[in-house]
């Protein structure tokens, strides 16, 4: 599918921009089961709404995804949202992609987008300013049905969809608000859960992040079983 191909090219390009060199590639006669990547920086957090830093978001883009994304020409393309439109000067409507599931098996719904916006607006402790600035013009958000998100704004914001090309969508957890500490610890019941091509396995802070292929990824089966 053409859209899926462009989407995969985008997140792979984002990773390449953040790398210093590649290592651990198998030699002749060895199965290509694991891709090892060395970087010149340390992953700060597993919380997608904590640090608005290119280095952090480049790695987390393999776990989490956005409603829309920008291609190489900076044009907006469908991500978790397949379409969006301005209903009026102060209202936007986003239609979500069908049959997308989070890594825990739960389906992507409009309520997850509502939770994501609510979480970011209540997030006050980011050292880098976080993502709240992208949402300052939003007055309210609702989910009239499982695949529709309606956003009301305080004024006319013609570039609102562009803001969502920077925001990762999280699922609304049954146990309530997920803290940064819980996500970083990767505790049972609180691991990082996204819709991306790779699932979280483990993280040693400042050392190693291990990911596993998401065989149910909506955009097609990723090439490497483990990263």
C-alpha atoms as a PDB file:
ATOM      1  CA  UNK A   1       0.000   0.000   0.000  1.00  0.00           C
ATOM      2  CA  UNK A   2       1.478   3.340  -1.036  1.00  0.00           C
ATOM      3  CA  UNK A   3       0.564   5.236   2.116  1.00  0.00           C
ATOM      4  CA  UNK A   4       2.017   2.510   4.313  1.00  0.00           C
ATOM      5  CA  UNK A   5       5.247   2.497   2.290  1.00  0.00           C
ATOM      6  CA  UNK A   6       5.663   6.256   2.701  1.00  0.00           C
ATOM      7  CA  UNK A   7       4.854   5.957   6.386  1.00  0.00           C
ATOM      8  CA  UNK A   8       7.525   3.316   6.977  1.00  0.00           C
ATOM      9  CA  UNK A   9      10.068   5.340   5.023  1.00  0.00           C
ATOM     10  CA  UNK A  10       9.318   8.304   7.262  1.00  0.00           C
ATOM     11  CA  UNK A  11       9.975   6.572  10.574  1.00  0.00           C
ATOM     12  CA  UNK A  12      13.052   4.837   9.237  1.00  0.00           C
ATOM     13  CA  UNK A  13      14.422   8.167   8.033  1.00  0.00           C
ATOM     14  CA  UNK A  14      13.771   9.643  11.466  1.00  0.00           C
ATOM     15  CA  UNK A  15      15.841   6.881  13.018  1.00  0.00           C
ATOM     16  CA  UNK A  16      18.711   7.296  10.579  1.00  0.00           C
ATOM     17  CA  UNK A  17      18.934  10.987  11.378  1.00  0.00           C
ATOM     18  CA  UNK A  18      19.524  10.138  15.016  1.00  0.00           C
ATOM     19  CA  UNK A  19      22.204   7.476  14.578  1.00  0.00           C
ATOM     20  CA  UNK A  20      25.963   7.707  14.764  1.00  0.00           C
ATOM     21  CA  UNK A  21      26.678   4.244  13.401  1.00  0.00           C
ATOM     22  CA  UNK A  22      25.137   0.803  12.970  1.00  0.00           C
ATOM     23  CA  UNK A  23      26.653  -2.272  14.551  1.00  0.00           C
ATOM     24  CA  UNK A  24      25.883  -5.918  15.149  1.00  0.00           C
ATOM     25  CA  UNK A  25      24.909  -6.729  11.558  1.00  0.00           C
ATOM     26  CA  UNK A  26      25.181 -10.487  10.981  1.00  0.00           C
ATOM     27  CA  UNK A  27      27.926 -11.910   8.834  1.00  0.00           C
ATOM     28  CA  UNK A  28      27.510 -14.319   5.917  1.00  0.00           C
ATOM     29  CA  UNK A  29      25.596 -17.441   6.818  1.00  0.00           C
ATOM     30  CA  UNK A  30      23.952 -15.935   9.922  1.00  0.00           C
ATOM     31  CA  UNK A  31      20.240 -15.278  10.195  1.00  0.00           C
ATOM     32  CA  UNK A  32      19.334 -11.613  10.378  1.00  0.00           C
ATOM     33  CA  UNK A  33      17.329 -11.709  13.602  1.00  0.00           C
ATOM     34  CA  UNK A  34      18.586  -8.644  15.472  1.00  0.00           C
ATOM     35  CA  UNK A  35      19.557  -5.124  14.501  1.00  0.00           C
ATOM     36  CA  UNK A  36      21.934  -3.382  16.903  1.00  0.00           C
ATOM     37  CA  UNK A  37      22.218   0.378  16.798  1.00  0.00           C
ATOM     38  CA  UNK A  38      24.689   2.602  18.635  1.00  0.00           C
ATOM     39  CA  UNK A  39      23.822   6.244  19.279  1.00  0.00           C
ATOM     40  CA  UNK A  40      25.765   9.238  20.537  1.00  0.00           C
ATOM     41  CA  UNK A  41      23.161  10.164  23.147  1.00  0.00           C
ATOM     42  CA  UNK A  42      21.221   8.596  26.000  1.00  0.00           C
ATOM     43  CA  UNK A  43      17.476   8.046  25.846  1.00  0.00           C
ATOM     44  CA  UNK A  44      16.032  10.371  28.483  1.00  0.00           C
ATOM     45  CA  UNK A  45      12.680   8.715  29.107  1.00  0.00           C
ATOM     46  CA  UNK A  46      10.100   6.231  27.829  1.00  0.00           C
ATOM     47  CA  UNK A  47       7.330   8.750  28.403  1.00  0.00           C
ATOM     48  CA  UNK A  48       6.360  10.135  24.970  1.00  0.00           C
ATOM     49  CA  UNK A  49       5.021  13.362  26.493  1.00  0.00           C
ATOM     50  CA  UNK A  50       7.937  14.207  28.799  1.00  0.00           C
ATOM     51  CA  UNK A  51      10.795  15.450  26.629  1.00  0.00           C
ATOM     52  CA  UNK A  52      10.198  17.247  23.340  1.00  0.00           C
ATOM     53  CA  UNK A  53      13.668  16.440  22.013  1.00  0.00           C
ATOM     54  CA  UNK A  54      14.436  15.080  18.526  1.00  0.00           C
ATOM     55  CA  UNK A  55      16.772  12.414  19.882  1.00  0.00           C
ATOM     56  CA  UNK A  56      14.123  11.058  22.236  1.00  0.00           C
ATOM     57  CA  UNK A  57      11.205  11.177  19.804  1.00  0.00           C
ATOM     58  CA  UNK A  58      13.231   9.495  17.044  1.00  0.00           C
ATOM     59  CA  UNK A  59      13.572   6.342  19.125  1.00  0.00           C
ATOM     60  CA  UNK A  60      10.092   6.434  20.643  1.00  0.00           C
ATOM     61  CA  UNK A  61       8.569   6.733  17.146  1.00  0.00           C
ATOM     62  CA  UNK A  62       9.060   2.965  16.819  1.00  0.00           C
ATOM     63  CA  UNK A  63       6.784   2.341  19.824  1.00  0.00           C
ATOM     64  CA  UNK A  64       4.284   5.190  19.517  1.00  0.00           C
ATOM     65  CA  UNK A  65       2.621   6.881  16.532  1.00  0.00           C
ATOM     66  CA  UNK A  66       0.987  10.188  15.648  1.00  0.00           C
ATOM     67  CA  UNK A  67      -2.363  11.080  14.086  1.00  0.00           C
ATOM     68  CA  UNK A  68      -0.586  12.614  11.086  1.00  0.00           C
ATOM     69  CA  UNK A  69       3.000  12.897   9.941  1.00  0.00           C
ATOM     70  CA  UNK A  70       5.061  15.000   7.557  1.00  0.00           C
ATOM     71  CA  UNK A  71       6.701  13.431   4.530  1.00  0.00           C
ATOM     72  CA  UNK A  72      10.038  14.464   3.022  1.00  0.00           C
ATOM     73  CA  UNK A  73       8.347  17.469   1.381  1.00  0.00           C
ATOM     74  CA  UNK A  74       6.770  18.472   4.727  1.00  0.00           C
ATOM     75  CA  UNK A  75       3.288  17.640   3.424  1.00  0.00           C
ATOM     76  CA  UNK A  76       0.874  16.179   5.979  1.00  0.00           C
ATOM     77  CA  UNK A  77       0.046  12.507   5.453  1.00  0.00           C
ATOM     78  CA  UNK A  78      -2.321  10.091   7.238  1.00  0.00           C
ATOM     79  CA  UNK A  79      -0.977   8.312  10.272  1.00  0.00           C
ATOM     80  CA  UNK A  80      -3.407   7.006  12.876  1.00  0.00           C
ATOM     81  CA  UNK A  81      -5.908   9.454  11.389  1.00  0.00           C
ATOM     82  CA  UNK A  82      -6.966   8.732   7.816  1.00  0.00           C
ATOM     83  CA  UNK A  83      -8.603  12.109   7.279  1.00  0.00           C
ATOM     84  CA  UNK A  84      -9.216  15.473   8.923  1.00  0.00           C
ATOM     85  CA  UNK A  85     -11.261  18.543   8.071  1.00  0.00           C
ATOM     86  CA  UNK A  86     -12.200  21.946   9.427  1.00  0.00           C
ATOM     87  CA  UNK A  87     -15.911  21.772  10.243  1.00  0.00           C
ATOM     88  CA  UNK A  88     -15.896  25.492  11.016  1.00  0.00           C
ATOM     89  CA  UNK A  89     -13.434  28.226  12.007  1.00  0.00           C
ATOM     90  CA  UNK A  90     -13.383  26.804  15.540  1.00  0.00           C
ATOM     91  CA  UNK A  91     -13.907  23.082  15.068  1.00  0.00           C
ATOM     92  CA  UNK A  92     -11.864  20.236  13.576  1.00  0.00           C
ATOM     93  CA  UNK A  93     -12.822  16.623  12.948  1.00  0.00           C
ATOM     94  CA  UNK A  94     -10.371  13.717  12.700  1.00  0.00           C
ATOM     95  CA  UNK A  95     -11.339  10.250  11.449  1.00  0.00           C
ATOM     96  CA  UNK A  96      -9.209   7.417  12.839  1.00  0.00           C
ATOM     97  CA  UNK A  97      -7.825   4.414  11.009  1.00  0.00           C
ATOM     98  CA  UNK A  98      -9.829   1.221  11.501  1.00  0.00           C
ATOM     99  CA  UNK A  99      -8.455  -2.043  12.893  1.00  0.00           C
ATOM    100  CA  UNK A 100      -5.430  -0.510  14.628  1.00  0.00           C
ATOM    101  CA  UNK A 101      -4.459  -2.117  17.919  1.00  0.00           C
ATOM    102  CA  UNK A 102      -2.156  -1.140  20.720  1.00  0.00           C
ATOM    103  CA  UNK A 103       0.559  -3.553  21.768  1.00  0.00           C
ATOM    104  CA  UNK A 104      -1.614  -4.804  24.649  1.00  0.00           C
ATOM    105  CA  UNK A 105      -4.303  -5.873  22.165  1.00  0.00           C
ATOM    106  CA  UNK A 106      -6.737  -3.047  22.849  1.00  0.00           C
ATOM    107  CA  UNK A 107      -8.179  -1.219  19.813  1.00  0.00           C
ATOM    108  CA  UNK A 108      -7.290   2.367  18.979  1.00  0.00           C
ATOM    109  CA  UNK A 109     -10.322   4.551  19.670  1.00  0.00           C
ATOM    110  CA  UNK A 110     -11.123   8.244  19.734  1.00  0.00           C
ATOM    111  CA  UNK A 111     -11.146   8.097  23.529  1.00  0.00           C
ATOM    112  CA  UNK A 112      -7.413   7.323  23.445  1.00  0.00           C
ATOM    113  CA  UNK A 113      -6.845  10.565  21.544  1.00  0.00           C
ATOM    114  CA  UNK A 114      -8.949  12.425  24.114  1.00  0.00           C
ATOM    115  CA  UNK A 115      -6.826  10.900  26.892  1.00  0.00           C
ATOM    116  CA  UNK A 116      -3.624  11.863  25.073  1.00  0.00           C
ATOM    117  CA  UNK A 117      -4.687  15.510  24.813  1.00  0.00           C
ATOM    118  CA  UNK A 118      -5.866  15.573  28.423  1.00  0.00           C
ATOM    119  CA  UNK A 119      -2.612  14.036  29.623  1.00  0.00           C
ATOM    120  CA  UNK A 120      -0.432  16.542  27.784  1.00  0.00           C
ATOM    121  CA  UNK A 121      -2.466  19.532  28.955  1.00  0.00           C
ATOM    122  CA  UNK A 122      -2.087  18.368  32.575  1.00  0.00           C
ATOM    123  CA  UNK A 123       1.623  17.584  32.181  1.00  0.00           C
ATOM    124  CA  UNK A 124       3.625  20.243  34.007  1.00  0.00           C
ATOM    125  CA  UNK A 125       7.093  18.808  34.656  1.00  0.00           C
ATOM    126  CA  UNK A 126       8.783  18.470  31.287  1.00  0.00           C
ATOM    127  CA  UNK A 127      12.352  19.851  31.348  1.00  0.00           C
ATOM    128  CA  UNK A 128      12.186  20.800  27.666  1.00  0.00           C
ATOM    129  CA  UNK A 129       8.839  22.569  27.635  1.00  0.00           C
ATOM    130  CA  UNK A 130       7.029  19.431  26.586  1.00  0.00           C
ATOM    131  CA  UNK A 131       4.183  19.368  24.108  1.00  0.00           C
ATOM    132  CA  UNK A 132       1.631  21.631  25.812  1.00  0.00           C
ATOM    133  CA  UNK A 133       2.399  24.533  23.467  1.00  0.00           C
ATOM    134  CA  UNK A 134       0.919  22.541  20.569  1.00  0.00           C
ATOM    135  CA  UNK A 135      -2.435  22.410  22.354  1.00  0.00           C
ATOM    136  CA  UNK A 136      -2.790  25.893  23.836  1.00  0.00           C
ATOM    137  CA  UNK A 137      -5.561  26.908  21.419  1.00  0.00           C
ATOM    138  CA  UNK A 138      -7.762  23.892  22.183  1.00  0.00           C
ATOM    139  CA  UNK A 139     -10.908  24.583  24.186  1.00  0.00           C
ATOM    140  CA  UNK A 140     -12.393  21.074  24.315  1.00  0.00           C
ATOM    141  CA  UNK A 141     -12.087  17.624  22.761  1.00  0.00           C
ATOM    142  CA  UNK A 142     -14.673  14.856  22.466  1.00  0.00           C
ATOM    143  CA  UNK A 143     -15.228  11.418  20.958  1.00  0.00           C
ATOM    144  CA  UNK A 144     -18.746  11.250  19.454  1.00  0.00           C
ATOM    145  CA  UNK A 145     -18.010   7.731  18.192  1.00  0.00           C
ATOM    146  CA  UNK A 146     -15.091   5.273  18.441  1.00  0.00           C
ATOM    147  CA  UNK A 147     -13.383   6.531  15.284  1.00  0.00           C
ATOM    148  CA  UNK A 148     -14.173  10.255  15.365  1.00  0.00           C
ATOM    149  CA  UNK A 149     -12.397  12.987  17.330  1.00  0.00           C
ATOM    150  CA  UNK A 150     -13.903  16.474  17.481  1.00  0.00           C
ATOM    151  CA  UNK A 151     -11.725  19.358  18.652  1.00  0.00           C
ATOM    152  CA  UNK A 152     -13.126  22.780  19.476  1.00  0.00           C
ATOM    153  CA  UNK A 153     -10.662  25.665  19.509  1.00  0.00           C
ATOM    154  CA  UNK A 154     -10.646  29.113  21.117  1.00  0.00           C
ATOM    155  CA  UNK A 155     -10.135  30.762  17.753  1.00  0.00           C
ATOM    156  CA  UNK A 156      -9.353  30.015  14.132  1.00  0.00           C
ATOM    157  CA  UNK A 157      -6.304  27.665  14.021  1.00  0.00           C
ATOM    158  CA  UNK A 158      -5.835  26.673  10.367  1.00  0.00           C
ATOM    159  CA  UNK A 159      -2.637  24.702  11.083  1.00  0.00           C
ATOM    160  CA  UNK A 160      -4.020  22.599  13.952  1.00  0.00           C
ATOM    161  CA  UNK A 161      -3.419  19.278  12.119  1.00  0.00           C
ATOM    162  CA  UNK A 162       0.280  20.154  11.923  1.00  0.00           C
ATOM    163  CA  UNK A 163       0.440  20.202  15.733  1.00  0.00           C
ATOM    164  CA  UNK A 164      -0.611  16.558  15.822  1.00  0.00           C
ATOM    165  CA  UNK A 165       2.351  15.555  13.661  1.00  0.00           C
ATOM    166  CA  UNK A 166       4.417  16.092  16.823  1.00  0.00           C
ATOM    167  CA  UNK A 167       2.223  14.273  19.359  1.00  0.00           C
ATOM    168  CA  UNK A 168       2.363  10.553  20.120  1.00  0.00           C
ATOM    169  CA  UNK A 169      -0.951   8.850  20.920  1.00  0.00           C
ATOM    170  CA  UNK A 170      -1.191   6.785  24.105  1.00  0.00           C
ATOM    171  CA  UNK A 171      -4.020   4.470  25.105  1.00  0.00           C
ATOM    172  CA  UNK A 172      -6.204   5.322  28.067  1.00  0.00           C
ATOM    173  CA  UNK A 173      -5.097   2.854  30.771  1.00  0.00           C
ATOM    174  CA  UNK A 174      -7.732   1.036  32.825  1.00  0.00           C
ATOM    175  CA  UNK A 175      -5.805   1.845  36.009  1.00  0.00           C
ATOM    176  CA  UNK A 176      -5.792   5.596  35.446  1.00  0.00           C
ATOM    177  CA  UNK A 177      -3.131   8.177  34.625  1.00  0.00           C
ATOM    178  CA  UNK A 178       0.277   6.687  33.807  1.00  0.00           C
ATOM    179  CA  UNK A 179       3.162   8.512  35.448  1.00  0.00           C
ATOM    180  CA  UNK A 180       6.572   9.052  33.880  1.00  0.00           C
ATOM    181  CA  UNK A 181       8.132   6.994  36.668  1.00  0.00           C
ATOM    182  CA  UNK A 182       5.865   4.030  35.955  1.00  0.00           C
ATOM    183  CA  UNK A 183       6.605   4.136  32.234  1.00  0.00           C
ATOM    184  CA  UNK A 184      10.358   4.408  32.808  1.00  0.00           C
ATOM    185  CA  UNK A 185      10.295   1.468  35.192  1.00  0.00           C
ATOM    186  CA  UNK A 186       8.421  -0.654  32.654  1.00  0.00           C
ATOM    187  CA  UNK A 187       6.468  -2.244  35.483  1.00  0.00           C
ATOM    188  CA  UNK A 188       3.865  -4.923  34.854  1.00  0.00           C
ATOM    189  CA  UNK A 189       0.639  -3.136  34.072  1.00  0.00           C
ATOM    190  CA  UNK A 190       2.482   0.091  33.197  1.00  0.00           C
ATOM    191  CA  UNK A 191       4.854  -0.682  30.306  1.00  0.00           C
ATOM    192  CA  UNK A 192       5.078   1.695  27.346  1.00  0.00           C
ATOM    193  CA  UNK A 193       2.237   0.696  25.027  1.00  0.00           C
ATOM    194  CA  UNK A 194       1.832   2.181  21.578  1.00  0.00           C
ATOM    195  CA  UNK A 195       0.603   1.192  18.115  1.00  0.00           C
ATOM    196  CA  UNK A 196       3.988   1.342  16.385  1.00  0.00           C
ATOM    197  CA  UNK A 197       5.977  -1.259  14.424  1.00  0.00           C
ATOM    198  CA  UNK A 198       7.947  -2.360  17.491  1.00  0.00           C
ATOM    199  CA  UNK A 199       6.919  -3.276  21.034  1.00  0.00           C
ATOM    200  CA  UNK A 200       8.793  -2.486  24.220  1.00  0.00           C
ATOM    201  CA  UNK A 201      10.864  -5.284  25.777  1.00  0.00           C
ATOM    202  CA  UNK A 202      13.261  -3.651  28.233  1.00  0.00           C
ATOM    203  CA  UNK A 203      15.293  -0.551  28.971  1.00  0.00           C
ATOM    204  CA  UNK A 204      18.446  -0.072  31.013  1.00  0.00           C
ATOM    205  CA  UNK A 205      18.531   3.675  31.601  1.00  0.00           C
ATOM    206  CA  UNK A 206      21.410   5.266  29.722  1.00  0.00           C
ATOM    207  CA  UNK A 207      22.460   1.952  28.208  1.00  0.00           C
ATOM    208  CA  UNK A 208      20.203  -0.360  26.192  1.00  0.00           C
ATOM    209  CA  UNK A 209      16.666  -0.149  24.799  1.00  0.00           C
ATOM    210  CA  UNK A 210      15.323  -3.462  23.479  1.00  0.00           C
ATOM    211  CA  UNK A 211      12.356  -3.677  21.109  1.00  0.00           C
ATOM    212  CA  UNK A 212      10.558  -6.591  19.455  1.00  0.00           C
ATOM    213  CA  UNK A 213       8.736  -6.708  16.137  1.00  0.00           C
ATOM    214  CA  UNK A 214       4.999  -6.035  16.209  1.00  0.00           C
ATOM    215  CA  UNK A 215       3.744  -8.765  13.892  1.00  0.00           C
ATOM    216  CA  UNK A 216       0.242  -7.244  13.990  1.00  0.00           C
ATOM    217  CA  UNK A 217       1.365  -3.797  12.905  1.00  0.00           C
ATOM    218  CA  UNK A 218      -1.240  -2.149  10.658  1.00  0.00           C
ATOM    219  CA  UNK A 219       1.442  -0.747   8.336  1.00  0.00           C
ATOM    220  CA  UNK A 220       2.943  -4.118   7.440  1.00  0.00           C
ATOM    221  CA  UNK A 221       5.387  -6.523   9.057  1.00  0.00           C
ATOM    222  CA  UNK A 222       8.663  -4.814  10.112  1.00  0.00           C
ATOM    223  CA  UNK A 223      11.854  -6.301   8.699  1.00  0.00           C
ATOM    224  CA  UNK A 224      13.799  -6.976  11.909  1.00  0.00           C
ATOM    225  CA  UNK A 225      12.493  -9.339  14.634  1.00  0.00           C
ATOM    226  CA  UNK A 226      14.458  -7.485  17.324  1.00  0.00           C
ATOM    227  CA  UNK A 227      16.134  -4.103  17.638  1.00  0.00           C
END
